[in-house]
Protein backbone atom coordinates (compact mmCIF):
# COMPACT_ATOMS: atom_id res chain seq x y z
CA MET A 1 151.99 -28.46 25.35
CA PRO A 2 155.71 -28.79 24.60
CA ALA A 3 157.24 -25.33 24.11
CA ASP A 4 160.78 -23.99 23.86
CA THR A 5 162.37 -20.66 22.99
CA VAL A 6 164.36 -21.37 19.85
CA SER A 7 166.01 -19.60 16.93
CA VAL A 8 163.79 -19.93 13.85
CA THR A 9 164.75 -19.29 10.25
CA GLY A 10 163.44 -19.97 6.78
CA TRP A 11 164.89 -22.44 4.30
CA GLY A 12 167.25 -19.74 3.03
CA ARG A 13 168.84 -19.59 6.51
CA THR A 14 168.90 -15.80 6.61
CA ALA A 15 167.64 -13.42 9.33
CA PRO A 16 166.94 -15.91 12.16
CA SER A 17 164.78 -14.71 15.03
CA ALA A 18 163.97 -16.15 18.45
CA ALA A 19 160.42 -17.24 19.25
CA ARG A 20 158.55 -19.53 21.61
CA LEU A 21 157.88 -22.68 19.61
CA VAL A 22 154.59 -24.31 20.65
CA ARG A 23 153.70 -27.81 19.46
CA PRO A 24 149.94 -28.48 19.60
CA ARG A 25 148.84 -32.10 19.14
CA THR A 26 145.07 -31.52 19.02
CA PHE A 27 142.71 -28.88 17.70
CA GLU A 28 141.92 -27.95 21.30
CA GLU A 29 145.59 -27.37 22.05
CA ALA A 30 145.90 -25.22 18.93
CA ALA A 31 143.00 -23.09 20.15
CA LEU A 32 144.63 -22.79 23.59
CA ALA A 33 147.90 -21.72 21.94
CA VAL A 34 146.14 -19.00 19.96
CA ARG A 35 144.25 -17.73 23.01
CA GLY A 36 147.46 -17.74 25.03
CA CYS A 37 149.42 -15.54 22.63
CA GLY A 38 151.24 -12.61 24.13
CA ALA A 39 151.60 -9.09 22.76
CA ARG A 40 153.81 -10.27 19.87
CA GLY A 41 151.17 -12.66 18.57
CA GLY A 42 151.75 -15.97 16.81
CA ILE A 43 152.05 -17.62 13.40
CA ALA A 44 151.57 -21.18 12.18
CA ARG A 45 154.55 -23.07 10.81
CA GLY A 46 154.79 -26.34 8.91
CA LEU A 47 157.97 -27.97 7.66
CA GLY A 48 159.90 -24.72 7.31
CA ARG A 49 160.25 -24.66 3.51
CA ALA A 50 159.28 -21.01 3.08
CA TYR A 51 162.59 -19.45 2.08
CA GLY A 52 162.26 -16.17 3.95
CA ASP A 53 160.66 -14.97 7.18
CA ALA A 54 157.01 -15.91 6.60
CA ALA A 55 156.92 -18.52 9.40
CA GLN A 56 159.03 -16.60 11.93
CA ASN A 57 157.82 -14.34 14.72
CA ALA A 58 160.53 -12.58 16.71
CA GLY A 59 159.67 -12.41 20.40
CA GLY A 60 156.30 -14.09 19.94
CA GLU A 61 154.83 -17.54 19.37
CA VAL A 62 155.34 -19.95 16.49
CA PHE A 63 152.86 -22.82 16.26
CA ASP A 64 154.50 -26.00 14.95
CA MET A 65 151.56 -27.65 13.21
CA THR A 66 153.32 -30.85 12.14
CA GLY A 67 151.84 -32.73 15.11
CA LEU A 68 148.40 -32.41 13.52
CA ASP A 69 149.06 -34.94 10.80
CA ARG A 70 146.05 -37.25 10.49
CA ILE A 71 144.45 -38.31 7.23
CA HIS A 72 140.77 -38.48 8.15
CA ALA A 73 139.06 -39.73 5.00
CA ILE A 74 139.80 -40.67 1.41
CA ASP A 75 136.99 -40.79 -1.13
CA ALA A 76 138.53 -42.95 -3.84
CA ASP A 77 135.46 -42.57 -6.04
CA ALA A 78 135.25 -38.79 -5.92
CA GLY A 79 139.01 -38.35 -5.71
CA THR A 80 139.19 -36.24 -2.54
CA VAL A 81 141.10 -36.42 0.72
CA LEU A 82 140.25 -34.82 4.08
CA CYS A 83 143.36 -34.34 6.22
CA ASP A 84 144.92 -32.24 8.93
CA ALA A 85 146.87 -29.18 7.88
CA GLY A 86 150.10 -30.69 9.23
CA VAL A 87 150.06 -33.60 6.78
CA SER A 88 152.90 -33.32 4.26
CA LEU A 89 152.58 -33.79 0.52
CA HIS A 90 155.12 -36.59 0.93
CA ARG A 91 152.75 -38.44 3.23
CA LEU A 92 149.84 -37.91 0.87
CA MET A 93 151.86 -39.39 -1.97
CA GLU A 94 152.76 -42.43 0.13
CA VAL A 95 149.10 -43.07 0.91
CA LEU A 96 147.34 -41.95 -2.27
CA LEU A 97 149.56 -43.17 -5.10
CA PRO A 98 148.86 -46.87 -4.45
CA LEU A 99 145.16 -45.95 -4.78
CA GLY A 100 145.69 -44.28 -8.16
CA TRP A 101 145.62 -40.65 -7.00
CA PHE A 102 148.23 -37.89 -6.97
CA VAL A 103 148.33 -34.45 -5.36
CA PRO A 104 146.91 -31.82 -7.75
CA VAL A 105 149.86 -29.42 -7.39
CA THR A 106 153.34 -29.92 -5.97
CA PRO A 107 156.22 -27.44 -5.78
CA GLY A 108 159.88 -28.41 -6.05
CA THR A 109 159.75 -30.17 -2.68
CA ARG A 110 157.19 -32.64 -1.32
CA TYR A 111 158.15 -31.70 2.25
CA VAL A 112 155.52 -29.00 2.63
CA THR A 113 152.34 -29.31 4.66
CA VAL A 114 148.82 -28.97 3.32
CA GLY A 115 148.31 -25.92 5.51
CA GLY A 116 151.46 -24.35 4.10
CA ALA A 117 150.35 -25.24 0.58
CA VAL A 118 147.14 -23.24 1.10
CA GLY A 119 148.77 -20.39 3.03
CA ALA A 120 151.39 -19.86 0.32
CA ASP A 121 149.01 -20.95 -2.47
CA ILE A 122 151.84 -23.00 -3.91
CA HIS A 123 152.28 -23.60 -7.62
CA GLY A 124 154.14 -26.24 -9.59
CA LYS A 125 155.18 -27.27 -13.06
CA ASN A 126 151.52 -27.57 -14.07
CA HIS A 127 150.23 -24.08 -13.35
CA HIS A 128 149.60 -23.39 -17.03
CA VAL A 129 147.10 -26.29 -16.92
CA SER A 130 145.98 -26.71 -13.31
CA GLY A 131 146.53 -23.42 -11.53
CA SER A 132 147.77 -23.19 -7.96
CA PHE A 133 146.95 -25.37 -4.97
CA SER A 134 143.94 -23.44 -3.69
CA ARG A 135 142.06 -24.10 -6.94
CA HIS A 136 141.82 -27.74 -5.84
CA VAL A 137 140.71 -27.11 -2.25
CA ALA A 138 137.01 -27.82 -1.70
CA SER A 139 137.02 -26.39 1.84
CA PHE A 140 139.18 -25.91 4.91
CA GLU A 141 138.67 -25.34 8.62
CA LEU A 142 140.23 -22.14 9.94
CA LEU A 143 140.87 -21.25 13.58
CA THR A 144 140.49 -17.48 13.76
CA ALA A 145 141.66 -14.97 16.36
CA ASP A 146 138.33 -15.00 18.21
CA GLY A 147 138.73 -18.72 18.92
CA ARG A 148 136.09 -19.83 16.40
CA VAL A 149 136.66 -22.65 13.94
CA ARG A 150 135.13 -21.64 10.61
CA THR A 151 134.46 -23.84 7.60
CA VAL A 152 135.71 -21.82 4.62
CA VAL A 153 134.75 -22.53 1.01
CA PRO A 154 135.88 -21.10 -2.34
CA GLY A 155 134.23 -17.92 -3.54
CA THR A 156 134.14 -16.29 -0.10
CA PRO A 157 136.31 -13.35 1.01
CA LEU A 158 137.86 -15.40 3.80
CA PHE A 159 138.92 -18.13 1.37
CA GLU A 160 140.44 -15.58 -0.99
CA ALA A 161 142.28 -13.83 1.83
CA THR A 162 143.64 -17.08 3.28
CA ALA A 163 144.80 -18.64 -0.01
CA GLY A 164 148.19 -16.98 -0.34
CA GLY A 165 147.66 -15.00 2.87
CA MET A 166 150.76 -16.48 4.53
CA GLY A 167 148.95 -17.60 7.68
CA LEU A 168 147.80 -14.12 8.66
CA THR A 169 144.03 -14.83 8.73
CA GLY A 170 144.25 -17.76 11.15
CA VAL A 171 145.46 -21.31 11.64
CA ILE A 172 144.30 -23.86 9.07
CA LEU A 173 143.29 -27.05 10.88
CA THR A 174 142.00 -29.34 8.12
CA ALA A 175 141.48 -29.23 4.36
CA THR A 176 139.55 -31.21 1.78
CA VAL A 177 141.58 -31.46 -1.41
CA ARG A 178 140.57 -32.70 -4.87
CA LEU A 179 143.11 -35.10 -6.39
CA GLN A 180 144.58 -35.98 -9.79
CA PRO A 181 143.93 -39.53 -11.09
CA VAL A 182 146.98 -41.47 -12.33
CA ARG A 183 147.57 -44.99 -13.66
CA THR A 184 151.22 -45.31 -12.66
CA SER A 185 153.82 -43.67 -10.42
CA TRP A 186 156.03 -42.96 -13.43
CA MET A 187 156.40 -39.91 -15.62
CA SER A 188 156.89 -39.84 -19.39
CA VAL A 189 159.41 -37.04 -19.91
CA ASP A 190 160.63 -35.08 -22.93
CA THR A 191 163.88 -33.12 -22.65
CA GLU A 192 165.42 -30.63 -25.07
CA ARG A 193 168.01 -27.89 -25.11
CA ALA A 194 167.25 -24.26 -25.95
CA SER A 195 170.14 -22.22 -27.32
CA ASP A 196 169.13 -18.87 -25.75
CA LEU A 197 166.27 -17.12 -23.97
CA ASP A 198 164.31 -16.28 -27.12
CA ASP A 199 164.57 -19.88 -28.30
CA LEU A 200 163.38 -21.06 -24.89
CA MET A 201 160.39 -18.73 -24.74
CA ALA A 202 159.35 -19.66 -28.28
CA ARG A 203 159.41 -23.38 -27.42
CA LEU A 204 157.38 -22.79 -24.28
CA ALA A 205 154.83 -20.55 -25.96
CA ASP A 206 154.40 -22.83 -28.99
CA THR A 207 154.18 -26.27 -27.39
CA ASP A 208 153.51 -26.01 -23.63
CA HIS A 209 149.83 -26.80 -24.21
CA ARG A 210 150.82 -30.37 -25.12
CA TYR A 211 152.16 -31.09 -21.63
CA ARG A 212 150.67 -31.14 -18.14
CA TYR A 213 154.05 -30.34 -16.55
CA SER A 214 156.71 -28.00 -17.88
CA VAL A 215 159.83 -26.35 -16.47
CA ALA A 216 163.12 -25.01 -17.80
CA TRP A 217 166.45 -24.88 -16.00
CA ILE A 218 168.14 -21.72 -17.21
CA ASP A 219 171.86 -20.85 -17.20
CA LEU A 220 172.04 -17.34 -15.77
CA LEU A 221 175.82 -17.18 -16.10
CA ALA A 222 175.82 -17.66 -19.87
CA ARG A 223 176.47 -14.44 -21.81
CA GLY A 224 176.48 -13.15 -25.35
CA LYS A 225 174.55 -15.19 -27.87
CA ALA A 226 174.06 -17.92 -25.25
CA THR A 227 172.33 -15.66 -22.74
CA GLY A 228 169.41 -17.55 -21.24
CA ARG A 229 170.31 -20.93 -22.70
CA ALA A 230 168.31 -23.64 -20.99
CA VAL A 231 167.31 -27.26 -20.60
CA LEU A 232 163.57 -27.68 -21.05
CA THR A 233 161.91 -30.63 -19.30
CA ARG A 234 158.25 -31.48 -19.83
CA GLY A 235 156.06 -34.48 -19.27
CA ASP A 236 152.92 -36.16 -18.03
CA HIS A 237 151.93 -39.13 -15.91
CA ALA A 238 152.85 -42.27 -17.82
CA PRO A 239 149.99 -44.61 -18.81
CA LEU A 240 150.25 -48.29 -17.95
CA ASP A 241 151.05 -49.33 -21.52
CA ALA A 242 154.13 -47.06 -21.52
CA LEU A 243 155.85 -49.32 -18.96
CA PRO A 244 157.99 -52.21 -20.24
CA ARG A 245 156.03 -55.48 -20.02
CA SER A 246 158.89 -57.42 -18.49
CA ALA A 247 159.80 -54.81 -15.91
CA ARG A 248 159.00 -54.83 -12.21
CA ALA A 249 157.31 -51.49 -12.78
CA ARG A 250 154.52 -53.17 -14.77
CA ARG A 251 153.84 -55.60 -11.91
CA ASP A 252 153.60 -52.80 -9.33
CA PRO A 253 152.88 -49.67 -11.37
CA LEU A 254 151.68 -47.46 -8.52
CA SER A 255 154.47 -48.03 -6.01
CA PHE A 256 156.05 -44.90 -4.57
CA ARG A 257 159.79 -45.29 -4.07
CA THR A 258 162.19 -42.63 -2.91
CA SER A 259 165.93 -42.56 -2.35
CA ARG A 260 168.11 -40.36 -0.20
CA LEU A 261 171.76 -39.44 -0.50
CA PRO A 262 173.88 -38.50 2.52
CA ALA A 263 172.88 -35.18 4.07
CA ALA A 264 174.84 -32.07 3.26
CA PRO A 265 177.43 -31.43 6.03
CA SER A 266 176.51 -29.00 8.79
CA PHE A 267 179.57 -26.88 7.97
CA VAL A 268 180.30 -25.82 4.41
CA PRO A 269 183.16 -23.39 3.65
CA GLU A 270 182.02 -19.93 2.62
CA GLY A 271 182.45 -19.21 -1.06
CA LEU A 272 181.93 -22.78 -2.21
CA LEU A 273 179.29 -21.57 -4.68
CA SER A 274 181.40 -18.99 -6.46
CA ARG A 275 181.06 -17.71 -10.02
CA THR A 276 183.76 -20.19 -11.03
CA THR A 277 182.25 -23.30 -9.44
CA VAL A 278 178.68 -22.46 -10.43
CA GLY A 279 179.81 -21.58 -13.94
CA LEU A 280 181.50 -24.97 -14.25
CA PHE A 281 178.40 -26.75 -12.93
CA ASN A 282 176.13 -24.87 -15.33
CA GLU A 283 178.34 -25.70 -18.29
CA LEU A 284 178.39 -29.39 -17.42
CA TRP A 285 174.64 -29.49 -16.73
CA TYR A 286 173.81 -27.89 -20.06
CA ARG A 287 176.23 -30.06 -22.06
CA LYS A 288 175.13 -33.33 -20.51
CA ALA A 289 171.47 -32.70 -21.36
CA PRO A 290 170.27 -34.31 -24.59
CA ARG A 291 169.57 -32.04 -27.53
CA ALA A 292 166.22 -33.79 -27.79
CA ARG A 293 164.87 -36.89 -26.04
CA THR A 294 161.27 -38.07 -25.81
CA GLY A 295 159.36 -40.56 -23.69
CA GLU A 296 161.98 -41.16 -21.00
CA LEU A 297 160.47 -42.86 -17.96
CA GLN A 298 161.28 -41.20 -14.64
CA ARG A 299 160.08 -41.84 -11.12
CA ILE A 300 157.89 -39.15 -9.60
CA PRO A 301 160.57 -38.06 -7.07
CA ALA A 302 163.21 -37.70 -9.81
CA PHE A 303 160.94 -35.58 -11.99
CA PHE A 304 159.33 -33.36 -9.35
CA HIS A 305 161.67 -33.32 -6.35
CA PRO A 306 165.30 -34.12 -7.23
CA LEU A 307 166.71 -32.01 -4.38
CA ASP A 308 164.63 -33.85 -1.77
CA GLY A 309 167.08 -36.72 -2.18
CA VAL A 310 169.77 -34.59 -0.49
CA PRO A 311 168.72 -33.80 3.09
CA HIS A 312 169.60 -30.27 4.21
CA TRP A 313 170.78 -29.28 0.75
CA ASN A 314 170.33 -25.64 1.77
CA ARG A 315 173.54 -25.93 3.82
CA VAL A 316 175.70 -25.86 0.69
CA TYR A 317 175.42 -22.06 0.64
CA GLY A 318 177.34 -21.80 3.90
CA ARG A 319 176.39 -20.10 7.13
CA GLY A 320 175.38 -16.92 5.36
CA GLY A 321 172.51 -18.69 3.65
CA PHE A 322 170.95 -17.70 0.37
CA VAL A 323 168.21 -15.58 -1.14
CA GLN A 324 165.59 -17.22 -3.32
CA TYR A 325 164.19 -14.57 -5.66
CA GLN A 326 161.09 -15.28 -7.72
CA PHE A 327 159.09 -12.85 -9.78
CA VAL A 328 156.40 -12.98 -12.46
CA VAL A 329 155.68 -10.58 -15.32
CA GLY A 330 152.66 -10.83 -17.58
CA HIS A 331 152.37 -11.77 -21.22
CA GLY A 332 153.38 -8.82 -23.34
CA ARG A 333 156.16 -7.97 -20.86
CA GLU A 334 158.76 -10.29 -22.38
CA ASP A 335 161.18 -7.36 -22.84
CA THR A 336 161.23 -6.92 -19.06
CA LEU A 337 162.09 -10.59 -18.62
CA ARG A 338 164.84 -10.35 -21.25
CA ARG A 339 166.28 -7.25 -19.62
CA ILE A 340 166.33 -8.82 -16.16
CA VAL A 341 167.96 -12.01 -17.43
CA ARG A 342 170.64 -9.93 -19.18
CA ARG A 343 171.26 -7.91 -16.03
CA ILE A 344 171.65 -11.04 -13.90
CA SER A 345 173.97 -12.55 -16.51
CA GLU A 346 176.09 -9.41 -16.81
CA ARG A 347 176.39 -9.16 -13.04
CA ARG A 348 177.55 -12.79 -12.94
CA CYS A 349 175.20 -13.84 -10.15
CA PRO A 350 176.25 -17.42 -9.22
CA SER A 351 172.89 -19.18 -9.44
CA PHE A 352 172.68 -22.89 -10.25
CA LEU A 353 169.03 -23.37 -9.25
CA ALA A 354 167.29 -21.10 -11.74
CA VAL A 355 164.01 -22.07 -13.40
CA LEU A 356 161.67 -20.42 -15.88
CA LYS A 357 158.00 -21.40 -16.24
CA ARG A 358 154.81 -20.10 -17.78
CA PHE A 359 151.80 -19.37 -15.60
CA GLY A 360 148.22 -19.85 -16.71
CA ASP A 361 145.10 -18.12 -15.41
CA ALA A 362 145.37 -16.34 -12.08
CA ASP A 363 143.75 -17.79 -9.00
CA PRO A 364 141.38 -15.78 -6.78
CA GLY A 365 143.60 -15.41 -3.71
CA TRP A 366 144.12 -11.73 -2.96
CA LEU A 367 147.82 -12.30 -2.23
CA SER A 368 148.22 -15.33 -4.47
CA PHE A 369 151.39 -14.98 -6.52
CA PRO A 370 150.71 -16.41 -10.01
CA VAL A 371 149.33 -14.26 -12.82
CA PRO A 372 149.34 -15.24 -16.51
CA GLY A 373 152.85 -14.77 -17.83
CA TRP A 374 156.45 -15.73 -17.15
CA THR A 375 158.01 -16.55 -13.80
CA LEU A 376 161.72 -16.80 -13.05
CA ALA A 377 163.08 -18.19 -9.77
CA LEU A 378 166.74 -18.16 -8.84
CA ASP A 379 168.94 -18.72 -5.82
CA ILE A 380 171.81 -16.39 -4.93
CA PRO A 381 174.26 -16.65 -2.00
CA ALA A 382 173.23 -13.97 0.51
CA SER A 383 176.87 -12.93 0.95
CA LEU A 384 177.20 -11.71 -2.66
CA PRO A 385 178.42 -8.08 -2.43
CA GLY A 386 175.80 -5.51 -3.37
CA LEU A 387 173.03 -8.10 -3.63
CA GLY A 388 170.42 -6.11 -1.71
CA ALA A 389 170.74 -3.00 -3.87
CA PHE A 390 170.74 -5.08 -7.05
CA LEU A 391 167.55 -6.93 -6.12
CA ASP A 392 165.93 -3.64 -5.13
CA GLU A 393 166.54 -2.46 -8.70
CA LEU A 394 165.00 -5.65 -10.08
CA ASP A 395 161.98 -5.15 -7.82
CA GLU A 396 161.47 -1.71 -9.37
CA GLU A 397 161.55 -3.21 -12.85
CA VAL A 398 159.13 -5.97 -11.91
CA ALA A 399 156.69 -3.59 -10.23
CA GLY A 400 156.93 -1.14 -13.13
CA ALA A 401 155.92 -3.94 -15.50
CA GLY A 402 152.90 -4.85 -13.39
CA GLY A 403 154.61 -7.95 -12.00
CA ARG A 404 155.17 -9.19 -8.46
CA VAL A 405 157.51 -11.18 -6.25
CA TYR A 406 156.53 -14.35 -4.38
CA LEU A 407 155.97 -13.72 -0.67
CA ALA A 408 156.67 -17.34 0.29
CA LYS A 409 160.22 -16.88 -0.99
CA ASP A 410 160.76 -13.25 -0.09
CA SER A 411 163.11 -12.09 2.65
CA ARG A 412 163.91 -8.49 1.67
CA LEU A 413 161.22 -6.72 -0.39
CA ARG A 414 160.59 -3.05 0.47
CA PRO A 415 157.00 -2.51 1.75
CA GLU A 416 156.31 0.50 -0.48
CA LEU A 417 156.34 -1.73 -3.56
CA LEU A 418 153.81 -4.23 -2.24
CA ALA A 419 150.64 -2.34 -3.22
CA ALA A 420 151.85 -1.97 -6.81
CA MET A 421 152.47 -5.71 -6.99
CA TYR A 422 149.29 -6.90 -5.23
CA PRO A 423 146.25 -4.76 -6.19
CA ARG A 424 143.99 -6.48 -3.61
CA LEU A 425 146.31 -5.59 -0.73
CA ASP A 426 143.89 -3.04 0.78
CA ASP A 427 141.10 -5.63 0.74
CA PHE A 428 143.38 -8.08 2.53
CA ARG A 429 144.36 -5.53 5.17
CA ALA A 430 140.74 -4.51 5.75
CA LEU A 431 139.53 -8.08 6.22
CA ARG A 432 142.43 -8.89 8.48
CA ALA A 433 141.75 -5.81 10.62
CA GLU A 434 138.10 -6.82 10.96
CA LEU A 435 138.82 -10.47 11.67
CA ASP A 436 141.84 -9.96 13.92
CA PRO A 437 141.74 -6.42 15.40
CA ARG A 438 144.33 -7.25 18.08
CA GLY A 439 146.84 -8.57 15.56
CA VAL A 440 147.00 -12.06 17.08
CA PHE A 441 148.38 -13.54 13.87
CA THR A 442 151.62 -11.88 12.94
CA SER A 443 155.05 -12.76 11.61
CA ASP A 444 158.40 -11.24 10.77
CA LEU A 445 157.16 -11.02 7.17
CA SER A 446 153.95 -9.20 8.11
CA ARG A 447 155.83 -6.66 10.25
CA ARG A 448 158.47 -6.08 7.58
CA LEU A 449 155.90 -5.53 4.82
CA CYS A 450 153.18 -3.88 6.95
CA LEU A 451 150.68 -6.56 5.99
């Protein structure tokens, strides 16, 4: 198998570590790679979109699973697909949309693998309706530390430990996923402005049930009466009769078209995303949004994945990289959310990618992130002075309110807070110890958080 010792980092480009990158091309090679792990163990890796250190393993092995990328079977009647774990959501969209099917859940990028989607139990704009990715997985095949390949189904401890388990129970080889039927590859989108955080939360709470997809971009640099002002974008898959009769879209309603801008340069001056530049961007972004617009037709990539059109957009933060911080607090804890938003605003954290969403019912994964309530995600340049101590304080507030941070985006959480955030942590540790007593599957994240 091809293998090199390389420096590996997450999408946030912080805390790189050196590992032996192994590239299996068959299930047999994946099993050989697992059996051949040294004392530092190994961890599966997909397309590297986890922001922190979940798919890194300093001094050990990292299994690049993108070579296992076959789509084995599509049941167009039942609406299911059986595919390798290394297949990306982008590839599924290319293949499935012309057949009238869409992935059940997609995050803000389509460049994640199916295995990564299960391991991180990803969520999207439709969690309040559809839950997270694992809810739509009928089964998966898991290569465990003893070399066995197990078929894992919902309702079993191994399924619940693996969904959101960040690759620490084994290597996912294949998955059968239930799909969402669609009539077109277009979205019907409503956009509106919210004047402040309370206005935004009221709009979300009162009318989110009307939409399958909902997300709000929030201005975390706005202060005073404008604190938490936002642009709220919601929509659903457009029916065929919503497309103009004379347009090309009506003749080919299920085509999947993407566009790409030039890649971000490999070198970006430090400090480009300062309070001044981000503040200017936020002001322009808020002002250009319509006060209220309904029924706008947008392509799927524009609605779900606007940043995918800029390759290597993570470079704009400079060599120091950035921290993506996402937390959730439950319904009834709105004061905690308000307080955190005020603290971020008062500290003038230069974040231009900040989104607020509502989560629906929790999913069964023991380390799955979503719980019913409010989730805020924001990006912050890692070089911001005092950032670590500030986020530690926010972690304390989140944990004190019964909330949690998202492990797929984490790069700096203190391990002593993990049990307060994830009540099934002891169950996860016990199953992992039984299934993998030698600690074959390990990562920088698991060592840092004592998972």
